[in-house]
Amino acid sequence: MMFDPLYLWFALPGLLLALWASWRVRATYARYSRVGTRSGATGEWVARALLDAHGLRDLPIEEIPGELSDHYDPRARVLRLSTAVYRGSSVAAVGVAAHEAGHALQHAANYLPLAVRGGIAPIAMVGPHLAWILFVVGLAAHWPVLANIAILIYLGVVFFALVTLPVELNASKRAMSLLGSVGVLEADELPAARKVLTAAALTYVAAAIQAILMLLYMFLRRR
């Protein structure tokens, strides 16, 4: 498949976009990690304050290793922040912490897209690999039914990527609103935090476009 010219036409743009988005988020995060907040609040303090203010005082916040490994686990009901975000008091750390707290607030409010994403997450984990295996075998063995099954599985992957977009954008919107309302960031600091969250959102946009391009390739090759 990698030597199929048609595959390269669809795979290369998505790959380049994903690489650019990854570089953009890391560069933006690194830049604003060096910009401290005037309040001096750490990411952990901000997340705790936001959760407590919305009645989530029992929701734990854990420090984890890694860079940009921050996430909210809806199954375990725990907010996990990387060390740089947990202990950091930069604009980037505060923005990321507020974003992840936004996911916890989504969960508490029964935000439908978050529930849908959680329900189809297993498909997103194994779907791409399984779909490509079935697709290649189906074409090689001239079993169109197998190729069709692969396309249906990959449709689930695309749906997951698309439903992730409103989840992430809504969490960022909540984060910006919360940071402004509680006074953690001053008015002139908010644009910097927005740049960090916008750069992070680009990675999800790139992932969705990449998945759509691969699905289109499957359709064309199947025909």
N, C-alpha and C. Protein backbone atom coordinates (compact mmCIF):
# COMPACT_ATOMS: atom_id res chain seq x y z
N MET A 1 0.82 -1.20 0.00
CA MET A 1 0.00 0.00 0.00
C MET A 1 0.87 1.27 0.00
N MET A 2 2.02 1.22 0.67
CA MET A 2 2.84 2.40 0.78
C MET A 2 3.42 2.83 -0.57
N PHE A 3 3.46 1.90 -1.55
CA PHE A 3 4.01 2.22 -2.86
C PHE A 3 2.89 2.53 -3.86
N ASP A 4 1.68 2.62 -3.40
CA ASP A 4 0.55 2.98 -4.25
C ASP A 4 0.55 4.49 -4.43
N PRO A 5 0.73 5.00 -5.64
CA PRO A 5 0.75 6.45 -5.87
C PRO A 5 -0.52 7.13 -5.36
N LEU A 6 -1.66 6.47 -5.51
CA LEU A 6 -2.92 7.03 -5.03
C LEU A 6 -2.89 7.19 -3.51
N TYR A 7 -2.30 6.21 -2.83
CA TYR A 7 -2.19 6.29 -1.36
C TYR A 7 -1.36 7.50 -0.96
N LEU A 8 -0.25 7.72 -1.66
CA LEU A 8 0.61 8.85 -1.31
C LEU A 8 -0.10 10.18 -1.51
N TRP A 9 -0.94 10.28 -2.53
CA TRP A 9 -1.67 11.51 -2.78
C TRP A 9 -2.59 11.86 -1.62
N PHE A 10 -3.12 10.84 -0.95
CA PHE A 10 -4.04 11.07 0.16
C PHE A 10 -3.31 11.09 1.50
N ALA A 11 -2.27 10.30 1.64
CA ALA A 11 -1.58 10.19 2.93
C ALA A 11 -0.64 11.35 3.20
N LEU A 12 0.06 11.80 2.17
CA LEU A 12 1.09 12.83 2.37
C LEU A 12 0.54 14.15 2.89
N PRO A 13 -0.55 14.69 2.31
CA PRO A 13 -1.08 15.96 2.85
C PRO A 13 -1.50 15.84 4.31
N GLY A 14 -2.16 14.73 4.66
CA GLY A 14 -2.58 14.54 6.04
C GLY A 14 -1.40 14.42 6.99
N LEU A 15 -0.35 13.72 6.55
CA LEU A 15 0.84 13.55 7.38
C LEU A 15 1.54 14.89 7.60
N LEU A 16 1.69 15.67 6.54
CA LEU A 16 2.35 16.97 6.66
C LEU A 16 1.54 17.91 7.57
N LEU A 17 0.22 17.86 7.45
CA LEU A 17 -0.63 18.69 8.29
C LEU A 17 -0.50 18.28 9.76
N ALA A 18 -0.46 16.97 10.01
CA ALA A 18 -0.33 16.48 11.38
C ALA A 18 1.02 16.88 11.98
N LEU A 19 2.08 16.79 11.19
CA LEU A 19 3.41 17.18 11.67
C LEU A 19 3.47 18.67 11.97
N TRP A 20 2.85 19.47 11.10
CA TRP A 20 2.84 20.91 11.32
C TRP A 20 2.06 21.25 12.57
N ALA A 21 0.90 20.61 12.77
CA ALA A 21 0.08 20.88 13.96
C ALA A 21 0.83 20.49 15.23
N SER A 22 1.52 19.34 15.19
CA SER A 22 2.29 18.90 16.35
C SER A 22 3.41 19.88 16.67
N TRP A 23 4.11 20.34 15.63
CA TRP A 23 5.18 21.32 15.84
C TRP A 23 4.61 22.61 16.39
N ARG A 24 3.46 23.02 15.87
CA ARG A 24 2.85 24.29 16.30
C ARG A 24 2.48 24.25 17.78
N VAL A 25 1.86 23.16 18.22
CA VAL A 25 1.43 23.10 19.62
C VAL A 25 2.63 23.05 20.56
N ARG A 26 3.67 22.32 20.17
CA ARG A 26 4.86 22.24 21.02
C ARG A 26 5.61 23.57 21.07
N ALA A 27 5.69 24.23 19.94
CA ALA A 27 6.38 25.52 19.89
C ALA A 27 5.62 26.57 20.69
N THR A 28 4.31 26.58 20.55
CA THR A 28 3.49 27.56 21.28
C THR A 28 3.53 27.28 22.77
N TYR A 29 3.44 26.00 23.12
CA TYR A 29 3.49 25.62 24.54
C TYR A 29 4.85 26.01 25.15
N ALA A 30 5.92 25.72 24.42
CA ALA A 30 7.26 26.05 24.92
C ALA A 30 7.43 27.56 25.08
N ARG A 31 6.90 28.31 24.15
CA ARG A 31 7.03 29.77 24.21
C ARG A 31 6.34 30.34 25.45
N TYR A 32 5.10 29.92 25.68
CA TYR A 32 4.34 30.50 26.79
C TYR A 32 4.58 29.78 28.12
N SER A 33 5.37 28.71 28.07
CA SER A 33 5.81 28.09 29.32
C SER A 33 6.86 28.96 30.00
N ARG A 34 7.43 29.88 29.23
CA ARG A 34 8.45 30.79 29.78
C ARG A 34 7.85 32.13 30.21
N VAL A 35 6.53 32.24 30.06
CA VAL A 35 5.85 33.48 30.44
C VAL A 35 5.05 33.21 31.72
N GLY A 36 5.52 33.75 32.82
CA GLY A 36 4.85 33.53 34.09
C GLY A 36 3.59 34.38 34.25
N THR A 37 2.64 33.90 35.03
CA THR A 37 1.44 34.67 35.31
C THR A 37 1.71 35.65 36.45
N ARG A 38 1.02 36.76 36.45
CA ARG A 38 1.20 37.74 37.52
C ARG A 38 0.64 37.22 38.84
N SER A 39 -0.37 36.37 38.75
CA SER A 39 -0.97 35.84 39.98
C SER A 39 -0.05 34.83 40.66
N GLY A 40 0.81 34.17 39.88
CA GLY A 40 1.69 33.16 40.45
C GLY A 40 1.00 31.84 40.74
N ALA A 41 -0.24 31.70 40.31
CA ALA A 41 -0.99 30.46 40.57
C ALA A 41 -0.44 29.32 39.73
N THR A 42 -0.34 28.15 40.34
CA THR A 42 0.12 26.96 39.62
C THR A 42 -1.05 26.30 38.89
N GLY A 43 -0.72 25.40 37.97
CA GLY A 43 -1.76 24.68 37.26
C GLY A 43 -2.64 23.87 38.20
N GLU A 44 -2.02 23.26 39.20
CA GLU A 44 -2.78 22.45 40.16
C GLU A 44 -3.73 23.34 40.96
N TRP A 45 -3.25 24.51 41.37
CA TRP A 45 -4.10 25.42 42.15
C TRP A 45 -5.29 25.88 41.32
N VAL A 46 -5.03 26.21 40.06
CA VAL A 46 -6.10 26.69 39.18
C VAL A 46 -7.14 25.59 38.97
N ALA A 47 -6.67 24.39 38.64
CA ALA A 47 -7.60 23.28 38.42
C ALA A 47 -8.44 23.00 39.67
N ARG A 48 -7.77 23.01 40.83
CA ARG A 48 -8.48 22.75 42.08
C ARG A 48 -9.53 23.83 42.36
N ALA A 49 -9.16 25.07 42.13
CA ALA A 49 -10.08 26.17 42.38
C ALA A 49 -11.29 26.10 41.46
N LEU A 50 -11.06 25.75 40.19
CA LEU A 50 -12.17 25.67 39.24
C LEU A 50 -13.10 24.51 39.56
N LEU A 51 -12.51 23.38 39.91
CA LEU A 51 -13.32 22.21 40.26
C LEU A 51 -14.14 22.47 41.53
N ASP A 52 -13.48 23.03 42.54
CA ASP A 52 -14.17 23.30 43.80
C ASP A 52 -15.32 24.29 43.61
N ALA A 53 -15.09 25.29 42.75
CA ALA A 53 -16.11 26.31 42.52
C ALA A 53 -17.35 25.74 41.85
N HIS A 54 -17.21 24.56 41.23
CA HIS A 54 -18.35 23.94 40.55
C HIS A 54 -18.79 22.65 41.23
N GLY A 55 -18.47 22.54 42.50
CA GLY A 55 -18.97 21.43 43.30
C GLY A 55 -18.25 20.12 43.11
N LEU A 56 -17.05 20.15 42.55
CA LEU A 56 -16.30 18.91 42.32
C LEU A 56 -15.12 18.81 43.29
N ARG A 57 -15.40 19.05 44.55
CA ARG A 57 -14.34 19.06 45.56
C ARG A 57 -13.72 17.68 45.79
N ASP A 58 -14.47 16.62 45.50
CA ASP A 58 -13.97 15.27 45.74
C ASP A 58 -13.21 14.70 44.54
N LEU A 59 -13.16 15.43 43.46
CA LEU A 59 -12.48 14.93 42.26
C LEU A 59 -10.97 15.13 42.44
N PRO A 60 -10.19 14.04 42.45
CA PRO A 60 -8.75 14.17 42.70
C PRO A 60 -7.97 14.71 41.49
N ILE A 61 -6.85 15.34 41.79
CA ILE A 61 -5.93 15.81 40.77
C ILE A 61 -4.59 15.13 41.01
N GLU A 62 -4.09 14.42 40.00
CA GLU A 62 -2.86 13.67 40.15
C GLU A 62 -1.75 14.26 39.29
N GLU A 63 -0.53 14.20 39.78
CA GLU A 63 0.64 14.61 39.02
C GLU A 63 1.21 13.40 38.30
N ILE A 64 1.45 13.52 36.99
CA ILE A 64 1.96 12.42 36.20
C ILE A 64 3.18 12.87 35.41
N PRO A 65 4.04 11.94 35.02
CA PRO A 65 5.22 12.30 34.22
C PRO A 65 4.85 12.57 32.77
N GLY A 66 5.82 13.06 32.02
CA GLY A 66 5.61 13.29 30.60
C GLY A 66 5.36 14.75 30.28
N GLU A 67 5.43 15.06 28.99
CA GLU A 67 5.16 16.42 28.50
C GLU A 67 3.88 16.41 27.70
N LEU A 68 2.98 17.32 27.99
CA LEU A 68 1.67 17.40 27.34
C LEU A 68 0.90 16.09 27.47
N SER A 69 1.08 15.42 28.60
CA SER A 69 0.37 14.17 28.87
C SER A 69 -0.89 14.42 29.71
N ASP A 70 -1.24 15.67 29.87
CA ASP A 70 -2.38 16.07 30.70
C ASP A 70 -3.69 15.54 30.11
N HIS A 71 -4.57 15.05 30.97
CA HIS A 71 -5.87 14.57 30.51
C HIS A 71 -6.82 14.37 31.68
N TYR A 72 -8.10 14.33 31.34
CA TYR A 72 -9.12 13.98 32.32
C TYR A 72 -9.62 12.59 31.98
N ASP A 73 -9.63 11.70 32.96
CA ASP A 73 -10.08 10.33 32.78
C ASP A 73 -11.51 10.22 33.30
N PRO A 74 -12.51 10.17 32.41
CA PRO A 74 -13.90 10.12 32.87
C PRO A 74 -14.27 8.81 33.54
N ARG A 75 -13.57 7.74 33.22
CA ARG A 75 -13.89 6.45 33.83
C ARG A 75 -13.41 6.39 35.27
N ALA A 76 -12.19 6.85 35.49
CA ALA A 76 -11.65 6.86 36.85
C ALA A 76 -12.05 8.12 37.61
N ARG A 77 -12.62 9.09 36.89
CA ARG A 77 -13.01 10.38 37.46
C ARG A 77 -11.82 11.01 38.20
N VAL A 78 -10.77 11.23 37.44
CA VAL A 78 -9.56 11.84 38.00
C VAL A 78 -8.95 12.76 36.95
N LEU A 79 -8.42 13.88 37.39
CA LEU A 79 -7.75 14.83 36.52
C LEU A 79 -6.25 14.64 36.69
N ARG A 80 -5.56 14.39 35.58
CA ARG A 80 -4.13 14.13 35.64
C ARG A 80 -3.38 15.23 34.90
N LEU A 81 -2.42 15.81 35.58
CA LEU A 81 -1.63 16.91 35.02
C LEU A 81 -0.16 16.55 35.03
N SER A 82 0.53 16.85 33.94
CA SER A 82 1.97 16.63 33.87
C SER A 82 2.67 17.53 34.88
N THR A 83 3.88 17.15 35.26
CA THR A 83 4.61 17.90 36.28
C THR A 83 4.76 19.37 35.93
N ALA A 84 5.07 19.66 34.67
CA ALA A 84 5.27 21.05 34.25
C ALA A 84 3.99 21.86 34.39
N VAL A 85 2.85 21.23 34.19
CA VAL A 85 1.57 21.93 34.33
C VAL A 85 1.13 21.96 35.79
N TYR A 86 1.29 20.83 36.47
CA TYR A 86 0.88 20.70 37.87
C TYR A 86 1.59 21.71 38.77
N ARG A 87 2.90 21.83 38.57
CA ARG A 87 3.69 22.70 39.44
C ARG A 87 4.00 24.05 38.80
N GLY A 88 3.77 24.16 37.50
CA GLY A 88 4.13 25.39 36.80
C GLY A 88 3.15 26.52 37.04
N SER A 89 3.65 27.74 36.92
CA SER A 89 2.80 28.93 37.09
C SER A 89 2.87 29.81 35.84
N SER A 90 3.15 29.17 34.71
CA SER A 90 3.21 29.92 33.46
C SER A 90 1.82 30.05 32.85
N VAL A 91 1.72 30.91 31.84
CA VAL A 91 0.45 31.07 31.12
C VAL A 91 0.06 29.76 30.46
N ALA A 92 1.04 29.04 29.91
CA ALA A 92 0.75 27.76 29.27
C ALA A 92 0.23 26.74 30.27
N ALA A 93 0.88 26.64 31.43
CA ALA A 93 0.47 25.68 32.45
C ALA A 93 -0.94 25.95 32.94
N VAL A 94 -1.24 27.20 33.19
CA VAL A 94 -2.57 27.57 33.67
C VAL A 94 -3.63 27.30 32.60
N GLY A 95 -3.31 27.60 31.34
CA GLY A 95 -4.27 27.36 30.26
C GLY A 95 -4.57 25.89 30.08
N VAL A 96 -3.54 25.05 30.10
CA VAL A 96 -3.73 23.61 29.94
C VAL A 96 -4.52 23.03 31.12
N ALA A 97 -4.19 23.47 32.32
CA ALA A 97 -4.89 22.98 33.51
C ALA A 97 -6.37 23.34 33.46
N ALA A 98 -6.66 24.56 33.05
CA ALA A 98 -8.06 24.99 32.95
C ALA A 98 -8.79 24.21 31.86
N HIS A 99 -8.11 23.91 30.78
CA HIS A 99 -8.71 23.12 29.70
C HIS A 99 -9.11 21.73 30.19
N GLU A 100 -8.20 21.07 30.90
CA GLU A 100 -8.50 19.74 31.40
C GLU A 100 -9.60 19.78 32.47
N ALA A 101 -9.60 20.84 33.27
CA ALA A 101 -10.70 21.02 34.23
C ALA A 101 -12.02 21.20 33.49
N GLY A 102 -11.95 21.82 32.31
CA GLY A 102 -13.15 21.97 31.49
C GLY A 102 -13.75 20.63 31.10
N HIS A 103 -12.88 19.64 30.84
CA HIS A 103 -13.40 18.30 30.53
C HIS A 103 -14.11 17.69 31.73
N ALA A 104 -13.59 17.91 32.92
CA ALA A 104 -14.23 17.41 34.13
C ALA A 104 -15.60 18.06 34.31
N LEU A 105 -15.69 19.34 34.00
CA LEU A 105 -16.97 20.04 34.10
C LEU A 105 -17.94 19.54 33.04
N GLN A 106 -17.44 19.21 31.86
CA GLN A 106 -18.29 18.60 30.83
C GLN A 106 -18.90 17.30 31.34
N HIS A 107 -18.06 16.49 31.96
CA HIS A 107 -18.52 15.20 32.47
C HIS A 107 -19.59 15.40 33.54
N ALA A 108 -19.35 16.34 34.43
CA ALA A 108 -20.31 16.60 35.50
C ALA A 108 -21.64 17.12 34.96
N ALA A 109 -21.57 17.82 33.83
CA ALA A 109 -22.78 18.39 33.22
C ALA A 109 -23.41 17.45 32.20
N ASN A 110 -22.88 16.22 32.09
CA ASN A 110 -23.40 15.23 31.12
C ASN A 110 -23.37 15.78 29.69
N TYR A 111 -22.27 16.39 29.34
CA TYR A 111 -22.10 16.94 28.00
C TYR A 111 -22.13 15.80 26.98
N LEU A 112 -23.12 15.82 26.10
CA LEU A 112 -23.39 14.68 25.21
C LEU A 112 -22.20 14.29 24.33
N PRO A 113 -21.55 15.21 23.63
CA PRO A 113 -20.42 14.80 22.79
C PRO A 113 -19.33 14.05 23.56
N LEU A 114 -19.10 14.44 24.82
CA LEU A 114 -18.09 13.74 25.63
C LEU A 114 -18.53 12.30 25.89
N ALA A 115 -19.81 12.11 26.18
CA ALA A 115 -20.32 10.77 26.42
C ALA A 115 -20.24 9.92 25.16
N VAL A 116 -20.54 10.51 24.02
CA VAL A 116 -20.47 9.79 22.75
C VAL A 116 -19.03 9.39 22.45
N ARG A 117 -18.12 10.32 22.66
CA ARG A 117 -16.70 10.02 22.41
C ARG A 117 -16.22 8.89 23.31
N GLY A 118 -16.63 8.93 24.57
CA GLY A 118 -16.23 7.86 25.48
C GLY A 118 -16.79 6.51 25.07
N GLY A 119 -17.99 6.53 24.51
CA GLY A 119 -18.61 5.27 24.11
C GLY A 119 -17.94 4.61 22.92
N ILE A 120 -17.39 5.41 22.02
CA ILE A 120 -16.76 4.85 20.82
C ILE A 120 -15.24 4.86 20.90
N ALA A 121 -14.69 5.23 22.06
CA ALA A 121 -13.24 5.26 22.22
C ALA A 121 -12.56 3.93 21.89
N PRO A 122 -13.16 2.77 22.29
CA PRO A 122 -12.51 1.49 21.94
C PRO A 122 -12.32 1.31 20.44
N ILE A 123 -13.26 1.80 19.65
CA ILE A 123 -13.14 1.70 18.19
C ILE A 123 -11.94 2.51 17.71
N ALA A 124 -11.77 3.69 18.30
CA ALA A 124 -10.66 4.56 17.89
C ALA A 124 -9.31 3.96 18.26
N MET A 125 -9.27 3.14 19.31
CA MET A 125 -8.01 2.56 19.76
C MET A 125 -7.55 1.43 18.84
N VAL A 126 -8.46 0.55 18.45
CA VAL A 126 -8.09 -0.61 17.64
C VAL A 126 -8.56 -0.49 16.20
N GLY A 127 -9.48 0.45 15.96
CA GLY A 127 -10.09 0.56 14.64
C GLY A 127 -9.13 0.78 13.49
N PRO A 128 -8.21 1.77 13.58
CA PRO A 128 -7.33 2.03 12.44
C PRO A 128 -6.50 0.82 12.02
N HIS A 129 -5.89 0.14 12.99
CA HIS A 129 -5.05 -1.02 12.68
C HIS A 129 -5.89 -2.17 12.11
N LEU A 130 -7.01 -2.45 12.77
CA LEU A 130 -7.86 -3.53 12.31
C LEU A 130 -8.42 -3.24 10.92
N ALA A 131 -8.84 -2.01 10.70
CA ALA A 131 -9.41 -1.64 9.41
C ALA A 131 -8.40 -1.81 8.28
N TRP A 132 -7.16 -1.36 8.51
CA TRP A 132 -6.16 -1.48 7.44
C TRP A 132 -5.79 -2.93 7.17
N ILE A 133 -5.71 -3.74 8.21
CA ILE A 133 -5.41 -5.16 8.00
C ILE A 133 -6.50 -5.82 7.16
N LEU A 134 -7.75 -5.59 7.54
CA LEU A 134 -8.86 -6.18 6.79
C LEU A 134 -8.92 -5.63 5.37
N PHE A 135 -8.63 -4.35 5.21
CA PHE A 135 -8.71 -3.74 3.89
C PHE A 135 -7.66 -4.31 2.94
N VAL A 136 -6.44 -4.41 3.44
CA VAL A 136 -5.35 -4.95 2.60
C VAL A 136 -5.60 -6.41 2.26
N VAL A 137 -5.99 -7.19 3.25
CA VAL A 137 -6.28 -8.61 2.99
C VAL A 137 -7.45 -8.75 2.03
N GLY A 138 -8.48 -7.92 2.22
CA GLY A 138 -9.64 -7.98 1.35
C GLY A 138 -9.31 -7.69 -0.10
N LEU A 139 -8.47 -6.69 -0.33
CA LEU A 139 -8.07 -6.37 -1.71
C LEU A 139 -7.15 -7.44 -2.28
N ALA A 140 -6.19 -7.89 -1.47
CA ALA A 140 -5.23 -8.87 -1.95
C ALA A 140 -5.89 -10.20 -2.28
N ALA A 141 -6.86 -10.59 -1.46
CA ALA A 141 -7.54 -11.88 -1.65
C ALA A 141 -8.79 -11.75 -2.51
N HIS A 142 -9.07 -10.54 -2.99
CA HIS A 142 -10.27 -10.29 -3.81
C HIS A 142 -11.54 -10.66 -3.05
N TRP A 143 -11.58 -10.22 -1.79
CA TRP A 143 -12.77 -10.40 -0.95
C TRP A 143 -13.37 -9.01 -0.70
N PRO A 144 -14.23 -8.57 -1.57
CA PRO A 144 -14.78 -7.21 -1.43
C PRO A 144 -15.56 -7.03 -0.13
N VAL A 145 -16.16 -8.09 0.38
CA VAL A 145 -16.92 -7.98 1.64
C VAL A 145 -16.00 -7.58 2.78
N LEU A 146 -14.80 -8.16 2.78
CA LEU A 146 -13.83 -7.85 3.83
C LEU A 146 -13.39 -6.39 3.74
N ALA A 147 -13.19 -5.92 2.52
CA ALA A 147 -12.81 -4.53 2.32
C ALA A 147 -13.94 -3.60 2.76
N ASN A 148 -15.18 -4.02 2.51
CA ASN A 148 -16.33 -3.21 2.93
C ASN A 148 -16.43 -3.12 4.45
N ILE A 149 -16.15 -4.23 5.11
CA ILE A 149 -16.16 -4.24 6.59
C ILE A 149 -15.09 -3.28 7.11
N ALA A 150 -13.92 -3.30 6.48
CA ALA A 150 -12.83 -2.40 6.88
C ALA A 150 -13.25 -0.94 6.76
N ILE A 151 -13.96 -0.62 5.68
CA ILE A 151 -14.42 0.75 5.47
C ILE A 151 -15.42 1.15 6.54
N LEU A 152 -16.31 0.24 6.90
CA LEU A 152 -17.29 0.53 7.95
C LEU A 152 -16.61 0.79 9.29
N ILE A 153 -15.57 -0.01 9.58
CA ILE A 153 -14.83 0.20 10.82
C ILE A 153 -14.14 1.56 10.80
N TYR A 154 -13.58 1.91 9.65
CA TYR A 154 -12.87 3.19 9.56
C TYR A 154 -13.83 4.37 9.62
N LEU A 155 -15.07 4.14 9.22
CA LEU A 155 -16.09 5.18 9.39
C LEU A 155 -16.23 5.54 10.87
N GLY A 156 -16.14 4.51 11.73
CA GLY A 156 -16.19 4.76 13.17
C GLY A 156 -15.01 5.59 13.63
N VAL A 157 -13.84 5.35 13.04
CA VAL A 157 -12.64 6.12 13.38
C VAL A 157 -12.83 7.59 13.00
N VAL A 158 -13.38 7.81 11.81
CA VAL A 158 -13.63 9.18 11.36
C VAL A 158 -14.66 9.87 12.26
N PHE A 159 -15.70 9.14 12.62
CA PHE A 159 -16.73 9.71 13.50
C PHE A 159 -16.13 10.10 14.84
N PHE A 160 -15.23 9.27 15.37
CA PHE A 160 -14.57 9.59 16.63
C PHE A 160 -13.76 10.87 16.50
N ALA A 161 -13.03 11.01 15.40
CA ALA A 161 -12.21 12.21 15.19
C ALA A 161 -13.09 13.45 15.08
N LEU A 162 -14.24 13.31 14.44
CA LEU A 162 -15.13 14.47 14.26
C LEU A 162 -15.82 14.86 15.57
N VAL A 163 -16.25 13.87 16.35
CA VAL A 163 -16.94 14.17 17.60
C VAL A 163 -15.96 14.71 18.65
N THR A 164 -14.67 14.43 18.46
CA THR A 164 -13.66 14.96 19.37
C THR A 164 -13.52 16.48 19.24
N LEU A 165 -13.77 17.00 18.05
CA LEU A 165 -13.59 18.44 17.82
C LEU A 165 -14.48 19.30 18.73
N PRO A 166 -15.81 19.07 18.78
CA PRO A 166 -16.61 19.90 19.68
C PRO A 166 -16.26 19.70 21.15
N VAL A 167 -15.83 18.48 21.51
CA VAL A 167 -15.44 18.22 22.90
C VAL A 167 -14.25 19.09 23.28
N GLU A 168 -13.23 19.12 22.44
CA GLU A 168 -12.03 19.89 22.75
C GLU A 168 -12.26 21.39 22.66
N LEU A 169 -13.00 21.81 21.65
CA LEU A 169 -13.27 23.24 21.50
C LEU A 169 -14.12 23.76 22.65
N ASN A 170 -15.10 22.97 23.08
CA ASN A 170 -15.94 23.38 24.19
C ASN A 170 -15.14 23.47 25.49
N ALA A 171 -14.22 22.51 25.70
CA ALA A 171 -13.38 22.54 26.90
C ALA A 171 -12.51 23.79 26.91
N SER A 172 -11.98 24.17 25.75
CA SER A 172 -11.16 25.38 25.67
C SER A 172 -12.00 26.63 25.91
N LYS A 173 -13.22 26.62 25.38
CA LYS A 173 -14.11 27.76 25.59
C LYS A 173 -14.44 27.91 27.07
N ARG A 174 -14.71 26.78 27.73
CA ARG A 174 -14.97 26.81 29.16
C ARG A 174 -13.74 27.33 29.92
N ALA A 175 -12.57 26.87 29.50
CA ALA A 175 -11.33 27.26 30.18
C ALA A 175 -11.13 28.77 30.10
N MET A 176 -11.30 29.34 28.92
CA MET A 176 -11.09 30.77 28.76
C MET A 176 -12.10 31.57 29.58
N SER A 177 -13.33 31.10 29.60
CA SER A 177 -14.35 31.77 30.38
C SER A 177 -14.05 31.71 31.87
N LEU A 178 -13.61 30.55 32.33
CA LEU A 178 -13.31 30.37 33.75
C LEU A 178 -12.10 31.19 34.18
N LEU A 179 -11.06 31.20 33.35
CA LEU A 179 -9.85 31.94 33.70
C LEU A 179 -10.14 33.43 33.81
N GLY A 180 -11.01 33.92 32.94
CA GLY A 180 -11.36 35.33 33.00
C GLY A 180 -12.24 35.67 34.18
N SER A 181 -13.15 34.74 34.52
CA SER A 181 -14.12 35.04 35.58
C SER A 181 -13.51 34.97 36.98
N VAL A 182 -12.56 34.05 37.20
CA VAL A 182 -11.99 33.89 38.54
C VAL A 182 -10.78 34.79 38.76
N GLY A 183 -10.34 35.47 37.71
CA GLY A 183 -9.25 36.42 37.87
C GLY A 183 -7.87 35.82 37.98
N VAL A 184 -7.70 34.56 37.54
CA VAL A 184 -6.37 33.95 37.56
C VAL A 184 -5.45 34.65 36.57
N LEU A 185 -6.01 34.98 35.40
CA LEU A 185 -5.25 35.71 34.40
C LEU A 185 -5.87 37.09 34.22
N GLU A 186 -5.02 38.07 34.05
CA GLU A 186 -5.51 39.41 33.77
C GLU A 186 -5.87 39.52 32.29
N ALA A 187 -6.58 40.57 31.95
CA ALA A 187 -7.12 40.71 30.60
C ALA A 187 -6.04 40.61 29.52
N ASP A 188 -4.87 41.19 29.76
CA ASP A 188 -3.82 41.17 28.75
C ASP A 188 -3.07 39.83 28.71
N GLU A 189 -3.36 38.93 29.66
CA GLU A 189 -2.73 37.61 29.66
C GLU A 189 -3.60 36.57 28.96
N LEU A 190 -4.88 36.85 28.84
CA LEU A 190 -5.81 35.88 28.25
C LEU A 190 -5.48 35.54 26.79
N PRO A 191 -5.08 36.51 25.94
CA PRO A 191 -4.75 36.15 24.56
C PRO A 191 -3.64 35.11 24.45
N ALA A 192 -2.66 35.17 25.35
CA ALA A 192 -1.57 34.19 25.31
C ALA A 192 -2.09 32.80 25.63
N ALA A 193 -2.96 32.70 26.63
CA ALA A 193 -3.55 31.40 26.97
C ALA A 193 -4.41 30.89 25.82
N ARG A 194 -5.11 31.80 25.15
CA ARG A 194 -5.94 31.39 24.01
C ARG A 194 -5.08 30.84 22.87
N LYS A 195 -3.90 31.41 22.68
CA LYS A 195 -3.01 30.92 21.63
C LYS A 195 -2.56 29.48 21.92
N VAL A 196 -2.28 29.19 23.18
CA VAL A 196 -1.88 27.84 23.57
C VAL A 196 -3.00 26.84 23.28
N LEU A 197 -4.21 27.19 23.67
CA LEU A 197 -5.34 26.29 23.49
C LEU A 197 -5.73 26.17 22.01
N THR A 198 -5.60 27.25 21.26
CA THR A 198 -5.89 27.19 19.83
C THR A 198 -4.90 26.29 19.11
N ALA A 199 -3.63 26.39 19.47
CA ALA A 199 -2.61 25.52 18.86
C ALA A 199 -2.90 24.06 19.17
N ALA A 200 -3.33 23.78 20.41
CA ALA A 200 -3.66 22.40 20.79
C ALA A 200 -4.85 21.90 19.98
N ALA A 201 -5.83 22.76 19.73
CA ALA A 201 -7.01 22.36 18.97
C ALA A 201 -6.66 21.99 17.53
N LEU A 202 -5.60 22.60 17.00
CA LEU A 202 -5.20 22.31 15.62
C LEU A 202 -4.81 20.85 15.44
N THR A 203 -4.28 20.22 16.50
CA THR A 203 -3.89 18.81 16.37
C THR A 203 -5.12 17.93 16.15
N TYR A 204 -6.24 18.30 16.76
CA TYR A 204 -7.47 17.51 16.58
C TYR A 204 -8.09 17.77 15.21
N VAL A 205 -7.96 19.00 14.73
CA VAL A 205 -8.42 19.30 13.38
C VAL A 205 -7.61 18.52 12.36
N ALA A 206 -6.30 18.49 12.57
CA ALA A 206 -5.42 17.73 11.66
C ALA A 206 -5.74 16.25 11.69
N ALA A 207 -6.02 15.71 12.87
CA ALA A 207 -6.34 14.28 12.98
C ALA A 207 -7.64 13.96 12.25
N ALA A 208 -8.62 14.86 12.33
CA ALA A 208 -9.89 14.64 11.64
C ALA A 208 -9.70 14.67 10.13
N ILE A 209 -8.93 15.64 9.65
CA ILE A 209 -8.68 15.74 8.20
C ILE A 209 -7.91 14.51 7.71
N GLN A 210 -6.94 14.07 8.49
CA GLN A 210 -6.15 12.90 8.12
C GLN A 210 -7.03 11.67 8.02
N ALA A 211 -7.95 11.49 8.99
CA ALA A 211 -8.85 10.33 8.97
C ALA A 211 -9.79 10.39 7.77
N ILE A 212 -10.29 11.57 7.45
CA ILE A 212 -11.19 11.72 6.31
C ILE A 212 -10.47 11.39 5.00
N LEU A 213 -9.24 11.86 4.86
CA LEU A 213 -8.47 11.58 3.65
C LEU A 213 -8.23 10.08 3.48
N MET A 214 -7.94 9.37 4.56
CA MET A 214 -7.73 7.94 4.48
C MET A 214 -9.02 7.20 4.14
N LEU A 215 -10.13 7.69 4.65
CA LEU A 215 -11.42 7.08 4.31
C LEU A 215 -11.73 7.27 2.82
N LEU A 216 -11.45 8.45 2.31
CA LEU A 216 -11.66 8.70 0.88
C LEU A 216 -10.77 7.80 0.03
N TYR A 217 -9.55 7.60 0.48
CA TYR A 217 -8.65 6.70 -0.24
C TYR A 217 -9.23 5.29 -0.28
N MET A 218 -9.74 4.82 0.85
CA MET A 218 -10.33 3.49 0.91
C MET A 218 -11.49 3.36 -0.07
N PHE A 219 -12.34 4.37 -0.12
CA PHE A 219 -13.48 4.35 -1.02
C PHE A 219 -13.01 4.26 -2.46
N LEU A 220 -12.05 5.11 -2.84
CA LEU A 220 -11.56 5.12 -4.22
C LEU A 220 -10.86 3.82 -4.58
N ARG A 221 -10.02 3.31 -3.71
CA ARG A 221 -9.30 2.07 -4.00
C ARG A 221 -10.25 0.89 -4.06
N ARG A 222 -11.28 0.90 -3.20
CA ARG A 222 -12.28 -0.17 -3.22
C ARG A 222 -13.00 -0.21 -4.56
N ARG A 223 -13.27 0.96 -5.12
CA ARG A 223 -13.95 1.01 -6.41
C ARG A 223 -13.04 0.50 -7.52
